[in-house]
C-alpha atoms as a PDB file:
ATOM      1  CA  MET A   1       0.293-163.800 116.673  1.00  0.00           C
ATOM      2  CA  THR A   2       3.662-162.744 114.524  1.00  0.00           C
ATOM      3  CA  THR A   3       2.515-160.983 111.953  1.00  0.00           C
ATOM      4  CA  ARG A   4       5.449-161.702 108.990  1.00  0.00           C
ATOM      5  CA  LYS A   5       6.762-159.135 107.136  1.00  0.00           C
ATOM      6  CA  VAL A   6       5.905-158.409 103.487  1.00  0.00           C
ATOM      7  CA  ALA A   7       8.330-157.532 100.434  1.00  0.00           C
ATOM      8  CA  ALA A   8       6.756-156.179  97.373  1.00  0.00           C
ATOM      9  CA  VAL A   9       9.192-157.341  93.595  1.00  0.00           C
ATOM     10  CA  ILE A  10       8.022-154.888  90.677  1.00  0.00           C
ATOM     11  CA  GLY A  11       9.193-156.493  87.962  1.00  0.00           C
ATOM     12  CA  GLY A  12      10.286-159.921  89.992  1.00  0.00           C
ATOM     13  CA  SER A  13      10.223-162.997  87.758  1.00  0.00           C
ATOM     14  CA  GLY A  14      13.151-160.913  85.195  1.00  0.00           C
ATOM     15  CA  PHE A  15      16.761-161.548  85.351  1.00  0.00           C
ATOM     16  CA  LEU A  16      17.507-159.306  88.526  1.00  0.00           C
ATOM     17  CA  GLY A  17      14.061-159.894  89.826  1.00  0.00           C
ATOM     18  CA  ARG A  18      15.190-163.580  91.043  1.00  0.00           C
ATOM     19  CA  HIS A  19      18.143-162.879  92.221  1.00  0.00           C
ATOM     20  CA  VAL A  20      16.007-160.111  94.652  1.00  0.00           C
ATOM     21  CA  VAL A  21      13.582-162.377  95.591  1.00  0.00           C
ATOM     22  CA  ARG A  22      15.883-165.400  96.906  1.00  0.00           C
ATOM     23  CA  ARG A  23      17.398-162.720  99.242  1.00  0.00           C
ATOM     24  CA  LEU A  24      14.681-161.328 100.492  1.00  0.00           C
ATOM     25  CA  ALA A  25      12.810-164.805 100.884  1.00  0.00           C
ATOM     26  CA  ASP A  26      16.631-165.662 103.218  1.00  0.00           C
ATOM     27  CA  ASP A  27      16.032-162.718 104.933  1.00  0.00           C
ATOM     28  CA  GLY A  28      12.146-163.735 105.795  1.00  0.00           C
ATOM     29  CA  TYR A  29       9.895-161.840 103.907  1.00  0.00           C
ATOM     30  CA  VAL A  30       6.315-162.953 102.449  1.00  0.00           C
ATOM     31  CA  VAL A  31       7.683-161.474  98.703  1.00  0.00           C
ATOM     32  CA  ARG A  32       4.990-160.113  96.586  1.00  0.00           C
ATOM     33  CA  VAL A  33       6.398-160.930  92.695  1.00  0.00           C
ATOM     34  CA  ALA A  34       4.384-158.746  90.542  1.00  0.00           C
ATOM     35  CA  ALA A  35       4.909-159.373  86.635  1.00  0.00           C
ATOM     36  CA  ARG A  36       2.733-159.529  83.806  1.00  0.00           C
ATOM     37  CA  ARG A  37       3.140-163.068  83.327  1.00  0.00           C
ATOM     38  CA  THR A  38       2.137-165.136  86.620  1.00  0.00           C
ATOM     39  CA  ASP A  39       3.250-168.434  85.195  1.00  0.00           C
ATOM     40  CA  ARG A  40       7.244-166.906  85.230  1.00  0.00           C
ATOM     41  CA  ALA A  41       6.526-165.402  88.775  1.00  0.00           C
ATOM     42  CA  ALA A  42       4.895-169.195  89.878  1.00  0.00           C
ATOM     43  CA  SER A  43       8.168-170.668  89.057  1.00  0.00           C
ATOM     44  CA  LEU A  44      10.397-168.303  91.653  1.00  0.00           C
ATOM     45  CA  ARG A  45       7.981-170.411  94.255  1.00  0.00           C
ATOM     46  CA  PRO A  46      10.945-172.879  95.122  1.00  0.00           C
ATOM     47  CA  LEU A  47      13.214-170.312  96.338  1.00  0.00           C
ATOM     48  CA  GLY A  48      11.141-169.545  99.702  1.00  0.00           C
ATOM     49  CA  ASP A  49       9.240-172.022 102.147  1.00  0.00           C
ATOM     50  CA  VAL A  50       5.579-173.114 101.003  1.00  0.00           C
ATOM     51  CA  GLY A  51       3.567-169.872 100.589  1.00  0.00           C
ATOM     52  CA  GLN A  52       6.381-167.767 101.107  1.00  0.00           C
ATOM     53  CA  ILE A  53       6.469-166.622  97.422  1.00  0.00           C
ATOM     54  CA  VAL A  54       2.819-164.985  96.191  1.00  0.00           C
ATOM     55  CA  PRO A  55       2.905-164.321  92.720  1.00  0.00           C
ATOM     56  CA  LEU A  56       0.699-161.596  91.755  1.00  0.00           C
ATOM     57  CA  GLY A  57      -0.886-160.281  87.950  1.00  0.00           C
ATOM     58  CA  ALA A  58       0.351-156.817  87.856  1.00  0.00           C
ATOM     59  CA  SER A  59       1.280-154.466  85.128  1.00  0.00           C
ATOM     60  CA  ILE A  60       3.788-151.184  85.467  1.00  0.00           C
ATOM     61  CA  LEU A  61       1.092-149.569  82.847  1.00  0.00           C
ATOM     62  CA  ASP A  62      -2.128-150.599  84.908  1.00  0.00           C
ATOM     63  CA  HIS A  63      -1.835-148.229  88.120  1.00  0.00           C
ATOM     64  CA  ALA A  64      -4.779-149.995  89.625  1.00  0.00           C
ATOM     65  CA  SER A  65      -3.353-153.645  89.334  1.00  0.00           C
ATOM     66  CA  LEU A  66      -0.431-152.140  91.527  1.00  0.00           C
ATOM     67  CA  ILE A  67      -2.265-151.098  94.778  1.00  0.00           C
ATOM     68  CA  PRO A  68      -2.932-154.466  96.284  1.00  0.00           C
ATOM     69  CA  VAL A  69       0.809-155.215  95.337  1.00  0.00           C
ATOM     70  CA  VAL A  70       2.185-152.389  98.053  1.00  0.00           C
ATOM     71  CA  GLU A  71      -0.515-152.213 100.105  1.00  0.00           C
ATOM     72  CA  GLY A  72       0.963-153.641 103.334  1.00  0.00           C
ATOM     73  CA  ALA A  73       3.780-154.198 102.193  1.00  0.00           C
ATOM     74  CA  GLN A  74       7.178-153.083 104.482  1.00  0.00           C
ATOM     75  CA  VAL A  75       9.572-152.826 101.702  1.00  0.00           C
ATOM     76  CA  VAL A  76       9.090-152.022  97.834  1.00  0.00           C
ATOM     77  CA  VAL A  77      11.312-153.025  94.935  1.00  0.00           C
ATOM     78  CA  ASN A  78      10.627-151.323  91.609  1.00  0.00           C
ATOM     79  CA  LEU A  79      12.936-153.386  89.230  1.00  0.00           C
ATOM     80  CA  VAL A  80      10.811-152.255  85.906  1.00  0.00           C
ATOM     81  CA  GLY A  81      12.424-151.220  82.420  1.00  0.00           C
ATOM     82  CA  ILE A  82      12.826-151.534  79.040  1.00  0.00           C
ATOM     83  CA  LEU A  83      15.438-150.926  76.335  1.00  0.00           C
ATOM     84  CA  ALA A  84      13.116-150.755  73.374  1.00  0.00           C
ATOM     85  CA  GLU A  85       9.679-149.083  73.095  1.00  0.00           C
ATOM     86  CA  ARG A  86       6.397-151.648  72.357  1.00  0.00           C
ATOM     87  CA  GLY A  87       2.871-150.452  71.784  1.00  0.00           C
ATOM     88  CA  PRO A  88       1.832-148.929  75.061  1.00  0.00           C
ATOM     89  CA  ALA A  89       5.103-149.827  76.469  1.00  0.00           C
ATOM     90  CA  THR A  90       6.763-146.022  75.993  1.00  0.00           C
ATOM     91  CA  PHE A  91      10.226-144.988  78.142  1.00  0.00           C
ATOM     92  CA  GLN A  92       7.479-142.503  78.969  1.00  0.00           C
ATOM     93  CA  ALA A  93       5.085-144.782  80.293  1.00  0.00           C
ATOM     94  CA  VAL A  94       7.213-147.242  81.924  1.00  0.00           C
ATOM     95  CA  HIS A  95       9.877-145.091  83.030  1.00  0.00           C
ATOM     96  CA  VAL A  96       8.424-142.203  84.015  1.00  0.00           C
ATOM     97  CA  GLU A  97       4.766-142.736  84.758  1.00  0.00           C
ATOM     98  CA  GLY A  98       4.870-146.492  86.267  1.00  0.00           C
ATOM     99  CA  ALA A  99       7.790-145.345  88.079  1.00  0.00           C
ATOM    100  CA  GLU A 100       6.173-142.652  89.947  1.00  0.00           C
ATOM    101  CA  GLN A 101       3.012-144.463  90.799  1.00  0.00           C
ATOM    102  CA  VAL A 102       4.883-146.864  92.173  1.00  0.00           C
ATOM    103  CA  ALA A 103       6.506-144.339  94.688  1.00  0.00           C
ATOM    104  CA  ARG A 104       3.365-142.631  95.090  1.00  0.00           C
ATOM    105  CA  LEU A 105       1.638-145.843  96.154  1.00  0.00           C
ATOM    106  CA  ALA A 106       4.625-146.833  98.181  1.00  0.00           C
ATOM    107  CA  ALA A 107       4.436-143.348 100.212  1.00  0.00           C
ATOM    108  CA  SER A 108       0.723-143.330 100.674  1.00  0.00           C
ATOM    109  CA  ALA A 109       0.543-147.166 101.630  1.00  0.00           C
ATOM    110  CA  GLY A 110       3.253-146.269 104.376  1.00  0.00           C
ATOM    111  CA  VAL A 111       6.108-148.003 103.114  1.00  0.00           C
ATOM    112  CA  ALA A 112       9.237-147.724 104.655  1.00  0.00           C
ATOM    113  CA  LYS A 113      11.750-148.106 102.387  1.00  0.00           C
ATOM    114  CA  LEU A 114      11.509-148.414  98.214  1.00  0.00           C
ATOM    115  CA  VAL A 115      14.421-148.997  96.125  1.00  0.00           C
ATOM    116  CA  HIS A 116      14.247-148.053  92.536  1.00  0.00           C
ATOM    117  CA  VAL A 117      16.101-149.186  90.058  1.00  0.00           C
ATOM    118  CA  SER A 118      17.169-147.068  87.253  1.00  0.00           C
ATOM    119  CA  ALA A 119      20.779-147.655  84.914  1.00  0.00           C
ATOM    120  CA  ILE A 120      24.019-145.995  84.543  1.00  0.00           C
ATOM    121  CA  GLY A 121      23.741-143.078  82.108  1.00  0.00           C
ATOM    122  CA  ALA A 122      20.523-141.643  83.272  1.00  0.00           C
ATOM    123  CA  ALA A 123      20.797-137.830  82.495  1.00  0.00           C
ATOM    124  CA  PRO A 124      18.232-135.256  80.962  1.00  0.00           C
ATOM    125  CA  ASP A 125      21.240-134.684  78.339  1.00  0.00           C
ATOM    126  CA  SER A 126      21.441-138.366  77.374  1.00  0.00           C
ATOM    127  CA  ARG A 127      21.605-138.940  74.119  1.00  0.00           C
ATOM    128  CA  SER A 128      19.049-141.810  74.431  1.00  0.00           C
ATOM    129  CA  ALA A 129      15.806-141.594  74.944  1.00  0.00           C
ATOM    130  CA  TYR A 130      16.232-144.842  77.725  1.00  0.00           C
ATOM    131  CA  GLY A 131      18.835-142.035  79.128  1.00  0.00           C
ATOM    132  CA  ARG A 132      16.667-139.112  79.353  1.00  0.00           C
ATOM    133  CA  SER A 133      13.592-141.024  80.556  1.00  0.00           C
ATOM    134  CA  LYS A 134      15.433-143.239  82.991  1.00  0.00           C
ATOM    135  CA  ALA A 135      16.876-139.515  84.872  1.00  0.00           C
ATOM    136  CA  ALA A 136      13.306-138.335  84.826  1.00  0.00           C
ATOM    137  CA  GLY A 137      11.814-141.113  86.551  1.00  0.00           C
ATOM    138  CA  GLU A 138      14.553-141.007  89.087  1.00  0.00           C
ATOM    139  CA  GLU A 139      13.227-137.415  89.390  1.00  0.00           C
ATOM    140  CA  ALA A 140       9.562-138.516  89.450  1.00  0.00           C
ATOM    141  CA  VAL A 141      10.225-141.095  92.213  1.00  0.00           C
ATOM    142  CA  LEU A 142      12.011-138.793  94.477  1.00  0.00           C
ATOM    143  CA  ARG A 143       9.063-136.033  94.416  1.00  0.00           C
ATOM    144  CA  ALA A 144       6.603-139.010  95.139  1.00  0.00           C
ATOM    145  CA  MET A 145       8.973-140.504  97.963  1.00  0.00           C
ATOM    146  CA  PRO A 146      11.971-138.625  98.457  1.00  0.00           C
ATOM    147  CA  GLU A 147      13.540-140.862 101.391  1.00  0.00           C
ATOM    148  CA  ALA A 148      13.368-143.821  98.084  1.00  0.00           C
ATOM    149  CA  THR A 149      16.865-145.010  97.192  1.00  0.00           C
ATOM    150  CA  ILE A 150      17.854-145.180  93.722  1.00  0.00           C
ATOM    151  CA  VAL A 151      20.217-147.961  92.201  1.00  0.00           C
ATOM    152  CA  ARG A 152      22.049-147.071  88.992  1.00  0.00           C
ATOM    153  CA  PRO A 153      23.933-150.558  87.491  1.00  0.00           C
ATOM    154  CA  SER A 154      26.180-150.507  85.276  1.00  0.00           C
ATOM    155  CA  ILE A 155      25.426-153.390  82.422  1.00  0.00           C
ATOM    156  CA  LEU A 156      24.519-156.831  84.556  1.00  0.00           C
ATOM    157  CA  PHE A 157      25.800-160.533  83.578  1.00  0.00           C
ATOM    158  CA  GLY A 158      25.313-163.627  85.009  1.00  0.00           C
ATOM    159  CA  ALA A 159      23.707-167.134  83.810  1.00  0.00           C
ATOM    160  CA  GLU A 160      20.705-166.203  82.002  1.00  0.00           C
ATOM    161  CA  ASP A 161      21.481-162.743  80.685  1.00  0.00           C
ATOM    162  CA  HIS A 162      21.060-161.855  77.398  1.00  0.00           C
ATOM    163  CA  PHE A 163      24.943-159.842  77.024  1.00  0.00           C
ATOM    164  CA  THR A 164      27.518-162.974  77.156  1.00  0.00           C
ATOM    165  CA  ASN A 165      25.367-165.112  76.042  1.00  0.00           C
ATOM    166  CA  LEU A 166      24.866-163.609  73.403  1.00  0.00           C
ATOM    167  CA  PHE A 167      28.226-163.163  72.415  1.00  0.00           C
ATOM    168  CA  ALA A 168      28.956-166.499  73.085  1.00  0.00           C
ATOM    169  CA  THR A 169      26.151-168.059  70.893  1.00  0.00           C
ATOM    170  CA  LEU A 170      27.213-165.797  68.140  1.00  0.00           C
ATOM    171  CA  ALA A 171      30.970-167.209  68.995  1.00  0.00           C
ATOM    172  CA  ARG A 172      29.694-170.613  68.505  1.00  0.00           C
ATOM    173  CA  PHE A 173      27.633-169.991  65.465  1.00  0.00           C
ATOM    174  CA  SER A 174      29.222-167.560  63.503  1.00  0.00           C
ATOM    175  CA  PRO A 175      32.902-166.984  62.248  1.00  0.00           C
ATOM    176  CA  VAL A 176      32.529-163.440  62.867  1.00  0.00           C
ATOM    177  CA  VAL A 177      31.680-161.676  66.054  1.00  0.00           C
ATOM    178  CA  PRO A 178      30.156-157.937  65.049  1.00  0.00           C
ATOM    179  CA  VAL A 179      30.693-155.598  68.236  1.00  0.00           C
ATOM    180  CA  TYR A 180      28.307-152.220  68.591  1.00  0.00           C
ATOM    181  CA  GLY A 181      29.936-149.360  70.178  1.00  0.00           C
ATOM    182  CA  ALA A 182      33.615-151.126  70.377  1.00  0.00           C
ATOM    183  CA  ARG A 183      34.902-148.338  71.935  1.00  0.00           C
ATOM    184  CA  THR A 184      32.492-147.993  74.263  1.00  0.00           C
ATOM    185  CA  ARG A 185      33.538-148.646  78.273  1.00  0.00           C
ATOM    186  CA  LEU A 186      31.551-150.373  80.605  1.00  0.00           C
ATOM    187  CA  GLN A 187      31.425-151.812  83.757  1.00  0.00           C
ATOM    188  CA  PRO A 188      29.652-154.810  84.057  1.00  0.00           C
ATOM    189  CA  VAL A 189      28.500-156.104  87.250  1.00  0.00           C
ATOM    190  CA  HIS A 190      27.498-159.479  88.477  1.00  0.00           C
ATOM    191  CA  VAL A 191      23.865-159.878  89.209  1.00  0.00           C
ATOM    192  CA  ALA A 192      23.941-161.839  92.281  1.00  0.00           C
ATOM    193  CA  ASP A 193      26.418-158.839  93.806  1.00  0.00           C
ATOM    194  CA  VAL A 194      23.694-156.067  92.056  1.00  0.00           C
ATOM    195  CA  ALA A 195      20.634-158.347  94.348  1.00  0.00           C
ATOM    196  CA  GLU A 196      22.831-158.110  96.940  1.00  0.00           C
ATOM    197  CA  GLY A 197      23.380-154.781  97.213  1.00  0.00           C
ATOM    198  CA  ILE A 198      19.418-153.935  97.078  1.00  0.00           C
ATOM    199  CA  ARG A 199      19.240-156.406  99.876  1.00  0.00           C
ATOM    200  CA  ARG A 200      21.688-154.314 101.973  1.00  0.00           C
ATOM    201  CA  LEU A 201      19.912-151.134 101.470  1.00  0.00           C
ATOM    202  CA  LEU A 202      16.773-152.334 102.163  1.00  0.00           C
ATOM    203  CA  ALA A 203      18.327-154.172 105.488  1.00  0.00           C
ATOM    204  CA  GLY A 204      20.326-151.614 106.127  1.00  0.00           C
ATOM    205  CA  GLU A 205      19.651-147.460 107.464  1.00  0.00           C
ATOM    206  CA  GLY A 206      21.137-144.363 106.401  1.00  0.00           C
ATOM    207  CA  TYR A 207      19.833-144.488 102.684  1.00  0.00           C
ATOM    208  CA  ALA A 208      17.008-142.315 102.236  1.00  0.00           C
ATOM    209  CA  GLY A 209      17.337-140.278  99.182  1.00  0.00           C
ATOM    210  CA  ALA A 210      20.316-141.813  98.043  1.00  0.00           C
ATOM    211  CA  VAL A 211      21.342-142.402  94.527  1.00  0.00           C
ATOM    212  CA  PHE A 212      24.060-145.800  94.339  1.00  0.00           C
ATOM    213  CA  GLU A 213      26.113-146.513  91.681  1.00  0.00           C
ATOM    214  CA  PHE A 214      26.826-150.087  90.921  1.00  0.00           C
ATOM    215  CA  GLY A 215      29.639-151.368  89.016  1.00  0.00           C
ATOM    216  CA  GLY A 216      32.443-154.097  88.293  1.00  0.00           C
ATOM    217  CA  PRO A 217      35.623-154.292  89.670  1.00  0.00           C
ATOM    218  CA  ALA A 218      37.210-153.665  86.053  1.00  0.00           C
ATOM    219  CA  ILE A 219      36.380-150.788  83.040  1.00  0.00           C
ATOM    220  CA  ARG A 220      36.242-152.891  79.681  1.00  0.00           C
ATOM    221  CA  THR A 221      35.744-151.659  76.123  1.00  0.00           C
ATOM    222  CA  MET A 222      32.562-153.619  74.315  1.00  0.00           C
ATOM    223  CA  GLU A 223      35.491-154.933  72.140  1.00  0.00           C
ATOM    224  CA  GLU A 224      37.437-156.041  74.672  1.00  0.00           C
ATOM    225  CA  ILE A 225      34.450-157.637  76.275  1.00  0.00           C
ATOM    226  CA  ALA A 226      33.471-159.569  72.982  1.00  0.00           C
ATOM    227  CA  ARG A 227      37.028-160.808  73.270  1.00  0.00           C
ATOM    228  CA  LEU A 228      37.135-162.340  76.420  1.00  0.00           C
ATOM    229  CA  ILE A 229      33.207-164.507  75.914  1.00  0.00           C
ATOM    230  CA  VAL A 230      35.451-165.577  72.921  1.00  0.00           C
ATOM    231  CA  ALA A 231      38.726-166.895  74.309  1.00  0.00           C
ATOM    232  CA  VAL A 232      36.880-168.159  77.291  1.00  0.00           C
ATOM    233  CA  VAL A 233      34.501-170.386  74.770  1.00  0.00           C
ATOM    234  CA  GLY A 234      37.554-171.325  73.442  1.00  0.00           C
ATOM    235  CA  ARG A 235      36.935-170.303  69.801  1.00  0.00           C
ATOM    236  CA  ARG A 236      38.816-168.663  67.163  1.00  0.00           C
ATOM    237  CA  ARG A 237      36.396-165.932  65.774  1.00  0.00           C
ATOM    238  CA  LEU A 238      37.470-162.956  64.142  1.00  0.00           C
ATOM    239  CA  VAL A 239      35.857-160.152  66.614  1.00  0.00           C
ATOM    240  CA  VAL A 240      34.858-157.089  64.189  1.00  0.00           C
ATOM    241  CA  ALA A 241      33.993-153.458  65.213  1.00  0.00           C
ATOM    242  CA  VAL A 242      30.944-152.268  63.347  1.00  0.00           C
ATOM    243  CA  PRO A 243      31.632-149.255  62.143  1.00  0.00           C
ATOM    244  CA  PRO A 244      28.919-146.252  63.055  1.00  0.00           C
ATOM    245  CA  ALA A 245      26.776-145.372  59.859  1.00  0.00           C
ATOM    246  CA  LEU A 246      26.696-149.495  58.805  1.00  0.00           C
ATOM    247  CA  ALA A 247      25.098-149.862  62.516  1.00  0.00           C
ATOM    248  CA  TRP A 248      22.881-146.900  61.881  1.00  0.00           C
ATOM    249  CA  TRP A 249      21.769-148.315  58.535  1.00  0.00           C
ATOM    250  CA  GLN A 250      21.259-152.137  60.238  1.00  0.00           C
ATOM    251  CA  ALA A 251      19.227-150.745  63.224  1.00  0.00           C
ATOM    252  CA  MET A 252      16.987-148.491  61.152  1.00  0.00           C
ATOM    253  CA  TRP A 253      15.676-152.049  59.414  1.00  0.00           C
ATOM    254  CA  LEU A 254      16.153-154.183  62.551  1.00  0.00           C
ATOM    255  CA  GLU A 255      13.947-151.932  64.746  1.00  0.00           C
ATOM    256  CA  ARG A 256      11.022-152.224  62.564  1.00  0.00           C
ATOM    257  CA  LEU A 257      11.157-156.193  63.137  1.00  0.00           C
ATOM    258  CA  PRO A 258       8.725-158.127  66.103  1.00  0.00           C
ATOM    259  CA  GLY A 259      12.072-158.451  68.198  1.00  0.00           C
ATOM    260  CA  LYS A 260      14.051-154.969  67.810  1.00  0.00           C
ATOM    261  CA  MET A 261      17.235-156.544  68.301  1.00  0.00           C
ATOM    262  CA  LEU A 262      18.709-153.636  67.600  1.00  0.00           C
ATOM    263  CA  THR A 263      17.368-150.229  67.812  1.00  0.00           C
ATOM    264  CA  ARG A 264      18.755-146.683  66.800  1.00  0.00           C
ATOM    265  CA  ASP A 265      17.949-145.820  70.278  1.00  0.00           C
ATOM    266  CA  GLN A 266      20.215-148.338  71.526  1.00  0.00           C
ATOM    267  CA  LEU A 267      23.043-147.090  69.325  1.00  0.00           C
ATOM    268  CA  ALA A 268      22.760-143.739  71.256  1.00  0.00           C
ATOM    269  CA  MET A 269      23.504-145.760  74.467  1.00  0.00           C
ATOM    270  CA  LEU A 270      26.441-147.359  73.238  1.00  0.00           C
ATOM    271  CA  ALA A 271      27.748-143.581  72.443  1.00  0.00           C
ATOM    272  CA  SER A 272      28.343-142.552  75.589  1.00  0.00           C
ATOM    273  CA  ASP A 273      30.806-144.843  78.069  1.00  0.00           C
ATOM    274  CA  ASN A 274      28.448-146.474  81.116  1.00  0.00           C
ATOM    275  CA  VAL A 275      30.595-146.370  83.794  1.00  0.00           C
ATOM    276  CA  ALA A 276      30.295-145.263  87.673  1.00  0.00           C
ATOM    277  CA  ALA A 277      30.909-141.721  88.344  1.00  0.00           C
ATOM    278  CA  ASP A 278      33.795-140.659  90.470  1.00  0.00           C
ATOM    279  CA  GLY A 279      32.906-140.499  93.995  1.00  0.00           C
ATOM    280  CA  ALA A 280      29.173-142.087  93.888  1.00  0.00           C
ATOM    281  CA  PRO A 281      28.397-144.721  96.557  1.00  0.00           C
ATOM    282  CA  GLY A 282      28.668-147.811  95.084  1.00  0.00           C
ATOM    283  CA  LEU A 283      28.590-151.318  95.895  1.00  0.00           C
ATOM    284  CA  GLU A 284      32.230-151.031  97.819  1.00  0.00           C
ATOM    285  CA  GLN A 285      30.279-149.090 100.429  1.00  0.00           C
ATOM    286  CA  LEU A 286      28.169-151.766 101.378  1.00  0.00           C
ATOM    287  CA  GLY A 287      30.976-153.929 102.223  1.00  0.00           C
ATOM    288  CA  ILE A 288      30.694-155.937  98.743  1.00  0.00           C
ATOM    289  CA  ARG A 289      33.825-156.805  96.908  1.00  0.00           C
ATOM    290  CA  PRO A 290      31.998-156.997  92.952  1.00  0.00           C
ATOM    291  CA  ALA A 291      32.802-160.192  91.580  1.00  0.00           C
ATOM    292  CA  SER A 292      35.221-160.265  87.628  1.00  0.00           C
ATOM    293  CA  MET A 293      34.055-161.402  84.799  1.00  0.00           C
ATOM    294  CA  GLU A 294      36.883-163.760  84.571  1.00  0.00           C
ATOM    295  CA  LEU A 295      35.931-165.245  88.071  1.00  0.00           C
ATOM    296  CA  ILE A 296      32.187-165.772  87.091  1.00  0.00           C
ATOM    297  CA  VAL A 297      31.820-165.542  83.116  1.00  0.00           C
ATOM    298  CA  PRO A 298      33.825-169.414  82.932  1.00  0.00           C
ATOM    299  CA  SER A 299      30.961-171.068  85.177  1.00  0.00           C
ATOM    300  CA  TYR A 300      28.326-170.392  83.216  1.00  0.00           C
ATOM    301  CA  LEU A 301      29.409-170.294  79.225  1.00  0.00           C
ATOM    302  CA  GLY A 302      30.838-174.082  79.454  1.00  0.00           C
ATOM    303  CA  GLY A 303      27.916-175.309  77.442  1.00  0.00           C
ATOM    304  CA  TYR A 304      29.043-173.078  74.383  1.00  0.00           C
ATOM    305  CA  LYS A 305      32.690-174.554  74.652  1.00  0.00           C
ATOM    306  CA  ILE A 306      34.517-177.027  71.801  1.00  0.00           C
ATOM    307  CA  THR A 307      34.080-180.688  72.784  1.00  0.00           C
END
C-alpha cells in the first residue's frame, strides 16, 4: 500500500495560500490547510480530489493546535502574517514566536522542507515594527530549523488582492484617488508566480538555509501603480499624493477604528522602497519569468470599467 505524501500549509486559506494549496494538490500531496476559520479552508476542497484537501482548525497563537497539522508532513509552508496588530495578534506573537514554533515543530517532526514566507523589507533596523518583526522571525526560524528556506515577496497582486482592487474601487466611486507613500518604489509580483516559486523550492534541492526575494519584472512608484490602475479601469480621476504630515494625522485616527484601514506603522513601511536586493536569488533562478501588471491586471479589473 502506497502512503501519500503530506503537505501542511499554515495560513493556507488566505490570498497566497489558495494558490499554494492548488499547486501542492496538483503535485499529489494531501494538503492540510491550517486556518483559524475552517469554513474558509473548507472552500478549498474543490482544488483537489475527494479527501485531498484537509481543513484543520489551528492558530499560530495556539501552539498546541499546530502539532497535528505538522506531524507526519513531509513539507510545511508558513504563510501567516499580519499588517496591523489586533489584541493578542501582535507582530511579536505572530511573526516571531508563532513562526519559531512552526519551525521547532517541523524540526522535531522530521519535516524534510520548510518554506517560511517573510517579506521584502524585513530588517532589524527597519523603520516599521512590521519589518523588524519579520526580520526577527526569519532569525528565529533559521535557529530552530537551519535548513528552512526563506521567501521574501514584494507586494502581491492578483484577482482577489486588497491592493489593486482598492485603487480600482476608489477610482470607481471617488473623483479623487489618494496615494500614500506616492514616491515609494515597489516591485509588485503576481500571486501565481510566488505560489509557483514556493512549489519549485519544495520540489527542488539545494535551497536549505537560502533566502529568496520574489519581485515582479518592473519597479514602479506607488503613484505610478495608482495611475496604471486608473487607466486600466477607464476612469478619469485625479490621482493625489497625500502629504506625509496629513497621512500621519489620518493614520493616527484611522488606526483606532476596528478595521485599521491605515496605521502609522504602515506609513513607516511605505517610507522605504520595497524592491528585491541586487544579487538576491529570485523567481528567475527558479526558471520563472514573472508576469507584468499590464498583462494580468486588466484580466480581473474589467468589472470596474465604465459600461
